[in-house]
Amino acid sequence: MKEIGRLIIVLTSICIIAALALSQVDRFTRDRIAEALRAEKLDLVKAILPENDGIVSVMVPSGGNGGDPTPKTESGATKKEYFIAMKGGEIVGVAFEAVSLEGYAGKIVTMVGVDPDGVITGIRILEHKETPGLGSKITGEKFLALFIGRSLENTRWAVKKDGGDIDQITGATISPRAIVSSIYNELKNFADHREEIFSLAKAGNN
């Protein structure tokens, strides 16, 4: 019985030590992964914003777009992060994520850049799991260029198959449809909160 008792103590100790070690490894790797994703996001932001003196990040409460897992305020409202490019004390561009869970293979995250009036100046795909060689063509310059110069006012925000202005990818309508819908939702969200975003950005830049 004593041997069994000692064995139980030894095994329990090993399990506790292993669990503690795994938790520390998980915390370390989780932080490193988060840092890498943040750095990748900031690189995309810089790529789609115009020349600037600096970029200010602000969080604005919003209604979300139904698929955007953004942080919450204490009241439970969705918060949206906006990256604002400043030059000479003036706002020259804004970038934000458009998230859809309706891609063929799930979530698609698009980084959208607009001028102060909400006209798209550039977009990049931040995250997707679409089919290689088909849905993955959403990352190509040919498809991304379709959005440049578009705004809420000058575009019917749907793929052409649905009566809109955006060309879909041959053989892959689901992926473009998801992106078009998410960008449209976030352009509306930006328009709704534009003054608040600009006010916070200017305050943060002083």
Protein backbone atom coordinates (compact mmCIF):
# COMPACT_ATOMS: atom_id res chain seq x y z
CA MET A 1 0.00 0.00 0.00
CA LYS A 2 2.86 2.35 0.80
CA GLU A 3 4.36 1.71 -2.64
CA ILE A 4 1.03 2.47 -4.29
CA GLY A 5 0.72 5.64 -2.23
CA ARG A 6 4.21 6.79 -3.24
CA LEU A 7 3.47 5.97 -6.87
CA ILE A 8 0.27 8.03 -6.76
CA ILE A 9 2.15 10.97 -5.25
CA VAL A 10 4.91 10.74 -7.88
CA LEU A 11 2.47 10.49 -10.78
CA THR A 12 0.36 13.35 -9.43
CA SER A 13 3.45 15.51 -9.06
CA ILE A 14 4.54 14.71 -12.62
CA CYS A 15 1.08 15.59 -13.95
CA ILE A 16 1.03 18.89 -12.08
CA ILE A 17 4.51 19.84 -13.30
CA ALA A 18 3.63 18.86 -16.88
CA ALA A 19 0.40 20.86 -16.76
CA LEU A 20 2.22 23.94 -15.44
CA ALA A 21 4.90 23.59 -18.11
CA LEU A 22 2.31 23.24 -20.88
CA SER A 23 0.39 26.28 -19.63
CA GLN A 24 3.57 28.38 -19.70
CA VAL A 25 4.46 27.16 -23.21
CA ASP A 26 0.90 27.90 -24.38
CA ARG A 27 0.99 31.40 -22.93
CA PHE A 28 4.38 32.10 -24.48
CA THR A 29 3.45 30.80 -27.93
CA ARG A 30 0.02 32.48 -27.81
CA ASP A 31 1.64 35.85 -27.13
CA ARG A 32 4.21 35.32 -29.88
CA ILE A 33 1.51 34.33 -32.38
CA ALA A 34 -0.57 37.37 -31.42
CA GLU A 35 2.46 39.63 -31.89
CA ALA A 36 3.19 38.11 -35.31
CA LEU A 37 -0.42 38.56 -36.44
CA ARG A 38 -0.41 42.15 -35.21
CA ALA A 39 2.81 42.87 -37.11
CA GLU A 40 1.33 41.33 -40.27
CA LYS A 41 -1.80 43.43 -39.88
CA LEU A 42 0.20 46.64 -39.45
CA ASP A 43 2.25 45.81 -42.55
CA LEU A 44 -0.97 45.53 -44.57
CA VAL A 45 -2.25 48.77 -43.08
CA LYS A 46 0.92 50.58 -44.17
CA ALA A 47 0.64 49.07 -47.65
CA ILE A 48 -2.86 50.42 -48.31
CA LEU A 49 -2.62 53.83 -46.64
CA PRO A 50 -1.12 56.86 -48.39
CA GLU A 51 2.19 58.49 -47.47
CA ASN A 52 1.92 59.83 -43.94
CA ASP A 53 3.71 61.21 -40.89
CA GLY A 54 2.26 58.56 -38.59
CA ILE A 55 -0.65 56.19 -38.00
CA VAL A 56 -3.07 56.54 -35.10
CA SER A 57 -5.19 53.60 -33.90
CA VAL A 58 -8.60 54.24 -32.33
CA MET A 59 -11.38 51.97 -31.06
CA VAL A 60 -14.96 53.01 -31.78
CA PRO A 61 -18.14 51.28 -30.54
CA SER A 62 -20.15 49.92 -33.45
CA GLY A 63 -22.92 47.52 -34.32
CA GLY A 64 -20.55 45.08 -36.01
CA ASN A 65 -21.43 43.28 -39.23
CA GLY A 66 -22.69 40.00 -37.86
CA GLY A 67 -19.46 38.13 -38.43
CA ASP A 68 -16.80 40.37 -37.02
CA PRO A 69 -15.39 38.98 -33.73
CA THR A 70 -14.16 42.37 -32.52
CA PRO A 71 -13.61 43.26 -28.84
CA LYS A 72 -16.49 44.33 -26.62
CA THR A 73 -17.07 47.36 -24.45
CA GLU A 74 -18.13 46.94 -20.83
CA SER A 75 -21.76 47.31 -21.94
CA GLY A 76 -21.31 44.47 -24.43
CA ALA A 77 -21.28 46.66 -27.56
CA THR A 78 -18.89 45.77 -30.36
CA LYS A 79 -15.73 47.85 -30.74
CA LYS A 80 -14.04 48.41 -34.09
CA GLU A 81 -10.40 49.35 -34.57
CA TYR A 82 -9.55 52.00 -37.14
CA PHE A 83 -6.06 52.94 -38.32
CA ILE A 84 -5.83 56.58 -39.35
CA ALA A 85 -2.97 57.98 -41.43
CA MET A 86 -2.03 61.55 -40.51
CA LYS A 87 0.05 64.02 -42.54
CA GLY A 88 0.70 67.60 -41.54
CA GLY A 89 -1.93 67.27 -38.83
CA GLU A 90 -4.60 66.22 -41.35
CA ILE A 91 -6.26 62.85 -41.90
CA VAL A 92 -5.25 61.43 -45.29
CA GLY A 93 -6.54 57.86 -45.04
CA VAL A 94 -8.25 55.25 -42.87
CA ALA A 95 -7.88 51.47 -42.75
CA PHE A 96 -10.09 48.86 -41.10
CA GLU A 97 -10.91 45.16 -41.24
CA ALA A 98 -13.94 43.69 -43.01
CA VAL A 99 -14.71 40.21 -41.70
CA SER A 100 -17.02 37.62 -43.25
CA LEU A 101 -17.80 34.12 -41.99
CA GLU A 102 -19.55 33.31 -45.26
CA GLY A 103 -16.55 32.30 -47.37
CA TYR A 104 -16.59 28.90 -49.07
CA ALA A 105 -14.21 27.60 -46.39
CA GLY A 106 -15.21 29.95 -43.58
CA LYS A 107 -13.79 33.24 -42.37
CA ILE A 108 -12.28 35.81 -44.74
CA VAL A 109 -10.62 38.91 -43.30
CA THR A 110 -10.00 41.84 -45.63
CA MET A 111 -8.05 44.98 -44.75
CA VAL A 112 -9.66 47.97 -46.44
CA GLY A 113 -8.09 51.39 -46.98
CA VAL A 114 -10.19 54.46 -47.78
CA ASP A 115 -9.62 58.18 -48.22
CA PRO A 116 -11.28 60.59 -45.76
CA ASP A 117 -14.46 60.57 -47.89
CA GLY A 118 -14.80 56.78 -47.79
CA VAL A 119 -13.51 56.01 -51.30
CA ILE A 120 -11.48 52.79 -51.38
CA THR A 121 -7.79 53.32 -52.09
CA GLY A 122 -6.55 49.77 -51.50
CA ILE A 123 -7.44 46.40 -50.05
CA ARG A 124 -5.53 43.28 -49.02
CA ILE A 125 -6.68 39.86 -47.84
CA LEU A 126 -5.43 39.31 -44.30
CA GLU A 127 -6.85 35.83 -43.68
CA HIS A 128 -8.67 33.15 -45.67
CA LYS A 129 -8.92 29.37 -46.17
CA GLU A 130 -10.44 29.36 -49.64
CA THR A 131 -9.73 26.65 -52.21
CA PRO A 132 -6.24 26.98 -53.75
CA GLY A 133 -6.40 27.97 -57.41
CA LEU A 134 -10.07 28.89 -57.23
CA GLY A 135 -11.45 30.84 -54.27
CA SER A 136 -7.88 31.77 -53.34
CA LYS A 137 -7.85 34.05 -56.41
CA ILE A 138 -9.40 36.66 -54.10
CA THR A 139 -5.82 37.51 -53.12
CA GLY A 140 -4.83 38.34 -56.70
CA GLU A 141 -4.24 41.90 -57.86
CA LYS A 142 -6.79 41.52 -60.67
CA PHE A 143 -9.61 40.88 -58.21
CA LEU A 144 -8.46 43.37 -55.58
CA ALA A 145 -8.18 46.12 -58.20
CA LEU A 146 -11.94 45.84 -58.79
CA PHE A 147 -12.55 47.70 -55.53
CA ILE A 148 -10.25 50.68 -56.05
CA GLY A 149 -12.17 53.95 -56.39
CA ARG A 150 -15.44 52.47 -55.16
CA SER A 151 -17.60 53.94 -52.40
CA LEU A 152 -21.07 53.59 -50.97
CA GLU A 153 -22.36 56.18 -53.40
CA ASN A 154 -20.91 55.00 -56.72
CA THR A 155 -21.32 51.22 -56.49
CA ARG A 156 -24.05 48.59 -56.35
CA TRP A 157 -22.48 46.42 -53.68
CA ALA A 158 -23.06 42.92 -55.00
CA VAL A 159 -21.35 40.62 -57.49
CA LYS A 160 -22.64 40.88 -61.06
CA LYS A 161 -24.37 37.52 -60.73
CA ASP A 162 -26.55 39.15 -58.05
CA GLY A 163 -27.14 42.34 -60.04
CA GLY A 164 -24.21 44.31 -58.64
CA ASP A 165 -21.12 46.00 -60.08
CA ILE A 166 -18.36 43.67 -58.85
CA ASP A 167 -17.07 40.96 -61.19
CA GLN A 168 -17.03 37.56 -59.55
CA ILE A 169 -14.24 35.04 -60.06
CA THR A 170 -15.11 32.43 -62.70
CA GLY A 171 -16.18 29.27 -60.91
CA ALA A 172 -15.98 30.87 -57.48
CA THR A 173 -18.85 33.19 -56.62
CA ILE A 174 -19.13 32.46 -52.90
CA SER A 175 -15.75 33.94 -51.93
CA PRO A 176 -16.19 37.27 -53.78
CA ARG A 177 -19.78 37.53 -52.56
CA ALA A 178 -18.58 37.21 -48.95
CA ILE A 179 -15.92 39.89 -49.43
CA VAL A 180 -18.25 42.31 -51.21
CA SER A 181 -20.86 42.00 -48.46
CA SER A 182 -18.37 42.48 -45.63
CA ILE A 183 -16.74 45.51 -47.26
CA TYR A 184 -20.12 47.11 -47.88
CA ASN A 185 -21.11 46.61 -44.24
CA GLU A 186 -17.88 48.15 -42.99
CA LEU A 187 -18.08 51.10 -45.37
CA LYS A 188 -21.50 51.83 -43.88
CA ASN A 189 -20.10 51.44 -40.39
CA PHE A 190 -17.27 53.85 -41.20
CA ALA A 191 -19.72 56.38 -42.62
CA ASP A 192 -21.91 56.13 -39.51
CA HIS A 193 -18.96 56.76 -37.15
CA ARG A 194 -16.77 58.95 -39.35
CA GLU A 195 -16.94 62.10 -37.22
CA GLU A 196 -16.25 60.20 -33.99
CA ILE A 197 -13.32 58.34 -35.60
CA PHE A 198 -11.78 61.57 -36.90
CA SER A 199 -12.27 63.35 -33.59
CA LEU A 200 -10.53 60.58 -31.63
CA ALA A 201 -7.72 60.37 -34.19
CA LYS A 202 -6.98 64.10 -34.03
CA ALA A 203 -7.09 64.04 -30.23
CA GLY A 204 -4.70 61.08 -30.16
CA ASN A 205 -2.33 62.76 -32.59
CA ASN A 206 -1.90 65.87 -30.43
